[in-house]
């Protein structure tokens, strides 16, 4: 199966070489690589082109496309542009500071073809902490074992709200492009845009579509201070409400409510870690009290 990898690139001059190298030494090369430079202000674009030139012998059978944007709009927009240009039957997104392990694309392609999997979630290894995600112990009863390390997720709209289930972090999803339908990433969103996108995709696909989990480290994700998920805030008001909570805050759908419950807990934890003082943390809680309390109810109800 032909596989397109889309890389959104913004100010990752120190890391893009490693991302490209991880693709160059895949046991099965991607058929297409699309890199969307989101108006980087450092030497990311130069480092990218140097890397592609250096690894050109490894990419003789790979179509490579670079899209250079004049305005920084965000990774969601960059991924959307990549989707529009993708020609592979499979599509995945690789963050410019992350790397695929050497056997990833070969294993993923083989599994999705042989098992007729439509969406495959893969494990990630956080570096330098060496912390592996997902931790399946808390939702193992929601999985069906197909083979060693490969599971079927029969009710993924329920499982996606499990606190230890990770979908979207580290762009750890591979999908048949036809299953994306017309769903696209939200633009100008920096918090939880990945899980918001994948949840909407899962809600849109046919009931008979198969969603799997490959429970092994296929992506190495760098823990970098200054990345969108690790940014610090000076004021509680700068910490935006996750897009999924805004989207479904009036929904009566239990899966929407469960997802809001889980994301509210992550949002609260994120605020407590990233706000600079107890005063700011208290102001955050007071100003979002009604939303947090309502969604905490959904969170507890899901885990009963």
Protein backbone atom coordinates (compact mmCIF):
# COMPACT_ATOMS: atom_id res chain seq x y z
CA UNK A 1 0.00 0.00 0.00
CA UNK A 2 1.30 3.46 -0.89
CA UNK A 3 1.90 5.62 2.16
CA UNK A 4 2.05 9.41 2.33
CA UNK A 5 3.79 11.08 5.28
CA UNK A 6 2.95 14.74 5.94
CA UNK A 7 5.37 16.83 8.02
CA UNK A 8 4.31 20.26 9.32
CA UNK A 9 7.51 22.26 9.83
CA UNK A 10 7.94 25.39 11.92
CA UNK A 11 11.22 26.48 13.52
CA UNK A 12 12.68 23.00 13.99
CA UNK A 13 16.13 23.58 12.52
CA UNK A 14 17.76 21.40 15.19
CA UNK A 15 15.47 18.42 14.63
CA UNK A 16 14.29 18.17 11.02
CA UNK A 17 17.44 16.28 9.97
CA UNK A 18 16.62 13.46 12.39
CA UNK A 19 13.00 13.31 11.22
CA UNK A 20 14.11 13.00 7.58
CA UNK A 21 16.78 10.45 8.49
CA UNK A 22 14.16 8.31 10.23
CA UNK A 23 12.21 8.20 6.96
CA UNK A 24 15.32 7.59 4.86
CA UNK A 25 16.13 4.42 6.77
CA UNK A 26 12.66 2.94 6.95
CA UNK A 27 12.58 -0.74 6.05
CA UNK A 28 9.78 0.25 3.68
CA UNK A 29 10.04 3.80 2.37
CA UNK A 30 7.00 6.06 2.11
CA UNK A 31 5.76 6.54 -1.44
CA UNK A 32 5.35 10.26 -0.82
CA UNK A 33 6.66 12.81 1.69
CA UNK A 34 5.02 16.24 1.89
CA UNK A 35 6.72 18.86 4.05
CA UNK A 36 4.77 22.06 4.71
CA UNK A 37 7.01 24.85 6.01
CA UNK A 38 4.77 27.15 8.02
CA UNK A 39 6.80 30.33 7.40
CA UNK A 40 9.69 29.29 9.64
CA UNK A 41 11.84 32.17 10.89
CA UNK A 42 14.94 30.07 11.63
CA UNK A 43 16.99 27.88 9.26
CA UNK A 44 14.45 25.03 9.20
CA UNK A 45 13.89 25.26 5.45
CA UNK A 46 17.62 25.29 4.70
CA UNK A 47 18.21 22.33 7.03
CA UNK A 48 15.32 20.48 5.43
CA UNK A 49 16.66 20.91 1.90
CA UNK A 50 20.17 19.95 3.00
CA UNK A 51 18.81 16.83 4.67
CA UNK A 52 16.81 15.80 1.61
CA UNK A 53 19.87 16.32 -0.59
CA UNK A 54 22.04 14.27 1.76
CA UNK A 55 19.56 11.38 1.85
CA UNK A 56 18.59 11.62 -1.83
CA UNK A 57 19.92 8.10 -2.63
CA UNK A 58 17.50 6.64 -0.06
CA UNK A 59 14.53 8.46 -1.61
CA UNK A 60 14.89 7.44 -5.26
CA UNK A 61 11.46 5.79 -5.20
CA UNK A 62 9.82 8.45 -3.02
CA UNK A 63 8.01 11.52 -4.30
CA UNK A 64 9.00 14.53 -2.21
CA UNK A 65 7.09 17.80 -2.17
CA UNK A 66 7.93 20.95 -0.22
CA UNK A 67 5.23 23.56 0.32
CA UNK A 68 6.57 26.93 1.49
CA UNK A 69 3.99 29.15 3.20
CA UNK A 70 4.42 32.92 3.44
CA UNK A 71 2.33 33.27 6.60
CA UNK A 72 2.41 31.23 9.80
CA UNK A 73 -1.08 29.81 10.39
CA UNK A 74 -0.33 26.75 12.49
CA UNK A 75 0.17 22.97 12.23
CA UNK A 76 -3.51 22.27 11.58
CA UNK A 77 -3.46 24.31 8.40
CA UNK A 78 -0.15 22.72 7.37
CA UNK A 79 -1.57 19.22 7.81
CA UNK A 80 -4.70 20.17 5.86
CA UNK A 81 -2.57 21.29 2.92
CA UNK A 82 -0.69 18.01 3.09
CA UNK A 83 -3.94 16.03 3.05
CA UNK A 84 -5.03 17.79 -0.14
CA UNK A 85 -1.80 16.84 -1.92
CA UNK A 86 -1.55 13.27 -0.59
CA UNK A 87 -1.68 10.47 -3.17
CA UNK A 88 -1.06 7.47 -0.90
CA UNK A 89 -3.76 5.04 0.18
CA UNK A 90 -2.45 5.50 3.71
CA UNK A 91 -1.65 8.85 5.29
CA UNK A 92 0.09 9.77 8.52
CA UNK A 93 1.54 12.92 10.05
CA UNK A 94 5.03 13.15 11.50
CA UNK A 95 5.93 16.13 13.67
CA UNK A 96 9.20 17.72 12.56
CA UNK A 97 10.92 17.02 15.89
CA UNK A 98 9.85 13.35 16.07
CA UNK A 99 11.11 10.17 14.42
CA UNK A 100 9.67 6.89 13.16
CA UNK A 101 11.39 3.74 14.36
CA UNK A 102 12.92 1.81 11.40
CA UNK A 103 10.26 -0.89 11.01
CA UNK A 104 7.23 1.35 11.60
CA UNK A 105 5.96 2.01 8.09
CA UNK A 106 6.54 -1.59 6.97
CA UNK A 107 4.70 -3.04 9.96
CA UNK A 108 1.85 -0.54 9.79
CA UNK A 109 1.32 -1.08 6.07
CA UNK A 110 1.37 -4.85 6.41
CA UNK A 111 -1.06 -4.86 9.35
CA UNK A 112 -3.54 -2.50 7.71
CA UNK A 113 -3.49 -4.46 4.46
CA UNK A 114 -3.63 -7.98 5.92
CA UNK A 115 -6.10 -7.23 8.74
CA UNK A 116 -8.15 -4.75 6.70
CA UNK A 117 -7.62 -2.10 9.38
CA UNK A 118 -8.91 1.35 8.46
CA UNK A 119 -7.40 3.38 11.32
CA UNK A 120 -4.35 2.29 13.30
CA UNK A 121 -3.17 3.97 16.50
CA UNK A 122 0.49 3.28 17.35
CA UNK A 123 2.54 3.56 20.51
CA UNK A 124 4.99 6.38 21.22
CA UNK A 125 8.13 6.65 23.28
CA UNK A 126 8.76 10.00 24.97
CA UNK A 127 12.42 11.06 25.01
CA UNK A 128 14.47 11.65 27.08
CA UNK A 129 12.17 10.31 29.83
CA UNK A 130 11.74 6.92 28.06
CA UNK A 131 8.07 7.00 29.06
CA UNK A 132 5.87 4.82 26.86
CA UNK A 133 2.29 5.58 25.85
CA UNK A 134 -0.41 4.34 25.87
CA UNK A 135 -0.67 2.49 29.15
CA UNK A 136 -3.33 -0.07 28.20
CA UNK A 137 -3.88 -1.54 31.66
CA UNK A 138 -6.71 0.84 32.50
CA UNK A 139 -8.68 0.10 29.30
CA UNK A 140 -7.48 -3.41 28.40
CA UNK A 141 -10.99 -4.82 28.86
CA UNK A 142 -12.14 -2.55 25.99
CA UNK A 143 -9.71 -4.18 23.53
CA UNK A 144 -9.76 -7.41 21.53
CA UNK A 145 -6.38 -9.10 21.02
CA UNK A 146 -5.79 -9.94 17.34
CA UNK A 147 -2.14 -10.95 17.56
CA UNK A 148 0.97 -10.11 19.55
CA UNK A 149 0.84 -6.36 20.32
CA UNK A 150 -2.07 -5.78 17.92
CA UNK A 151 -5.54 -5.05 19.26
CA UNK A 152 -8.93 -4.24 17.78
CA UNK A 153 -10.82 -1.35 19.40
CA UNK A 154 -14.49 -2.32 18.93
CA UNK A 155 -15.99 0.86 20.44
CA UNK A 156 -13.37 3.50 19.77
CA UNK A 157 -15.70 6.43 20.52
CA UNK A 158 -15.83 5.08 24.08
CA UNK A 159 -12.16 4.09 24.37
CA UNK A 160 -10.86 7.43 23.08
CA UNK A 161 -12.03 9.04 26.34
CA UNK A 162 -10.08 6.62 28.55
CA UNK A 163 -7.58 8.76 30.52
CA UNK A 164 -4.60 6.59 29.55
CA UNK A 165 -5.56 6.17 25.90
CA UNK A 166 -3.48 8.40 23.66
CA UNK A 167 -4.70 9.35 20.19
CA UNK A 168 -3.28 12.38 18.42
CA UNK A 169 -0.27 12.99 20.66
CA UNK A 170 2.86 12.66 18.57
CA UNK A 171 0.66 12.26 15.48
CA UNK A 172 0.41 8.57 16.34
CA UNK A 173 -2.35 7.60 13.90
CA UNK A 174 -2.24 6.08 10.40
CA UNK A 175 -5.44 6.09 8.34
CA UNK A 176 -6.72 5.10 4.94
CA UNK A 177 -7.06 8.44 3.20
CA UNK A 178 -10.58 7.63 1.99
CA UNK A 179 -11.71 7.49 5.63
CA UNK A 180 -10.86 11.13 6.21
CA UNK A 181 -13.87 12.16 4.13
CA UNK A 182 -14.03 15.97 4.30
CA UNK A 183 -12.83 16.24 7.91
CA UNK A 184 -9.93 18.64 8.39
CA UNK A 185 -7.93 20.08 11.29
CA UNK A 186 -9.08 23.27 12.93
CA UNK A 187 -6.79 26.19 12.10
CA UNK A 188 -5.22 28.50 14.68
CA UNK A 189 -5.74 25.97 17.49
CA UNK A 190 -2.83 24.95 19.72
CA UNK A 191 -4.37 22.77 22.43
CA UNK A 192 -5.84 19.31 21.77
CA UNK A 193 -6.28 19.97 18.03
CA UNK A 194 -5.08 16.43 17.31
CA UNK A 195 -7.61 14.54 19.40
CA UNK A 196 -10.35 16.91 18.21
CA UNK A 197 -9.53 16.06 14.60
CA UNK A 198 -9.33 12.31 15.11
CA UNK A 199 -12.52 12.21 17.16
CA UNK A 200 -14.44 13.94 14.38
CA UNK A 201 -12.92 11.53 11.86
CA UNK A 202 -13.98 8.53 13.95
CA UNK A 203 -17.51 9.89 14.30
CA UNK A 204 -17.74 10.24 10.52
CA UNK A 205 -16.52 6.82 9.40
CA UNK A 206 -18.78 3.85 8.75
CA UNK A 207 -19.73 1.62 11.67
CA UNK A 208 -18.08 -1.39 10.02
CA UNK A 209 -14.71 0.39 9.80
CA UNK A 210 -12.00 -1.32 11.84
CA UNK A 211 -9.84 0.63 14.29
CA UNK A 212 -6.75 -1.00 15.74
CA UNK A 213 -3.98 -0.33 18.26
CA UNK A 214 -0.40 -1.45 17.66
CA UNK A 215 0.95 -1.47 21.20
CA UNK A 216 4.64 -0.89 20.51
CA UNK A 217 6.81 2.19 20.12
CA UNK A 218 6.60 3.27 16.48
CA UNK A 219 7.32 6.96 17.06
CA UNK A 220 9.96 8.62 19.22
CA UNK A 221 8.56 11.92 20.53
CA UNK A 222 10.91 14.57 21.90
CA UNK A 223 9.91 16.37 25.09
CA UNK A 224 10.91 19.90 24.16
CA UNK A 225 10.32 22.98 26.30
CA UNK A 226 8.64 25.62 24.19
CA UNK A 227 6.60 23.19 22.13
CA UNK A 228 2.87 23.90 21.99
CA UNK A 229 2.07 21.18 24.51
CA UNK A 230 4.75 22.35 26.95
CA UNK A 231 4.39 26.12 26.75
CA UNK A 232 4.08 28.14 29.96
CA UNK A 233 1.61 30.99 30.51
CA UNK A 234 1.94 34.25 32.41
CA UNK A 235 -1.82 34.73 32.83
CA UNK A 236 -4.69 32.27 33.30
CA UNK A 237 -6.72 33.94 30.52
CA UNK A 238 -4.08 32.99 27.94
CA UNK A 239 -4.82 29.30 28.42
CA UNK A 240 -7.54 28.72 25.86
CA UNK A 241 -10.49 26.39 26.32
CA UNK A 242 -9.83 23.19 24.32
CA UNK A 243 -11.64 23.27 20.98
CA UNK A 244 -13.44 19.98 21.68
CA UNK A 245 -15.00 21.37 24.87
CA UNK A 246 -16.21 24.45 23.03
CA UNK A 247 -17.55 22.29 20.21
CA UNK A 248 -19.57 19.87 22.34
CA UNK A 249 -20.40 21.86 25.49
CA UNK A 250 -24.14 21.67 24.72
CA UNK A 251 -24.11 18.13 23.34
CA UNK A 252 -26.29 15.39 24.84
CA UNK A 253 -24.25 12.65 23.14
CA UNK A 254 -22.62 10.49 25.82
CA UNK A 255 -19.41 10.00 23.83
CA UNK A 256 -19.05 13.76 23.36
CA UNK A 257 -19.61 14.23 27.08
CA UNK A 258 -17.10 11.52 28.01
CA UNK A 259 -14.45 13.09 25.79
CA UNK A 260 -15.09 16.51 27.31
CA UNK A 261 -14.76 14.98 30.76
CA UNK A 262 -11.36 13.47 30.02
CA UNK A 263 -10.07 16.57 28.21
CA UNK A 264 -11.21 18.83 31.05
CA UNK A 265 -9.07 16.82 33.45
CA UNK A 266 -6.07 17.10 31.12
CA UNK A 267 -6.77 20.83 30.65
CA UNK A 268 -6.87 21.36 34.42
CA UNK A 269 -3.64 19.41 34.92
CA UNK A 270 -2.02 21.39 32.10
CA UNK A 271 -3.05 24.65 33.76
CA UNK A 272 -1.72 23.58 37.16
CA UNK A 273 1.63 22.65 35.60
CA UNK A 274 2.02 25.66 33.32
CA UNK A 275 0.59 28.63 35.22
CA UNK A 276 3.26 30.54 37.18
CA UNK A 277 1.61 31.09 40.57
CA UNK A 278 -1.09 29.84 42.90
CA UNK A 279 -2.94 33.10 42.34
CA UNK A 280 -3.13 32.44 38.61
CA UNK A 281 -4.14 28.83 39.21
CA UNK A 282 -6.96 29.87 41.54
CA UNK A 283 -8.19 32.46 39.03
CA UNK A 284 -8.19 29.78 36.31
CA UNK A 285 -10.30 27.43 38.44
CA UNK A 286 -12.72 30.14 39.57
CA UNK A 287 -13.29 31.45 36.07
CA UNK A 288 -13.86 27.98 34.59
CA UNK A 289 -15.56 26.41 37.62
CA UNK A 290 -18.90 25.63 35.98
CA UNK A 291 -17.29 23.99 32.94
CA UNK A 292 -14.82 22.01 35.04
CA UNK A 293 -17.48 20.76 37.46
CA UNK A 294 -19.92 19.72 34.75
CA UNK A 295 -17.23 17.89 32.81
CA UNK A 296 -15.85 16.28 35.95
CA UNK A 297 -19.26 14.67 36.37
CA UNK A 298 -18.97 13.25 32.84
CA UNK A 299 -15.43 12.06 33.64
CA UNK A 300 -16.53 10.20 36.78
CA UNK A 301 -19.61 8.79 35.08
CA UNK A 302 -17.50 7.37 32.24
CA UNK A 303 -15.17 5.59 34.64
CA UNK A 304 -17.83 3.95 36.82
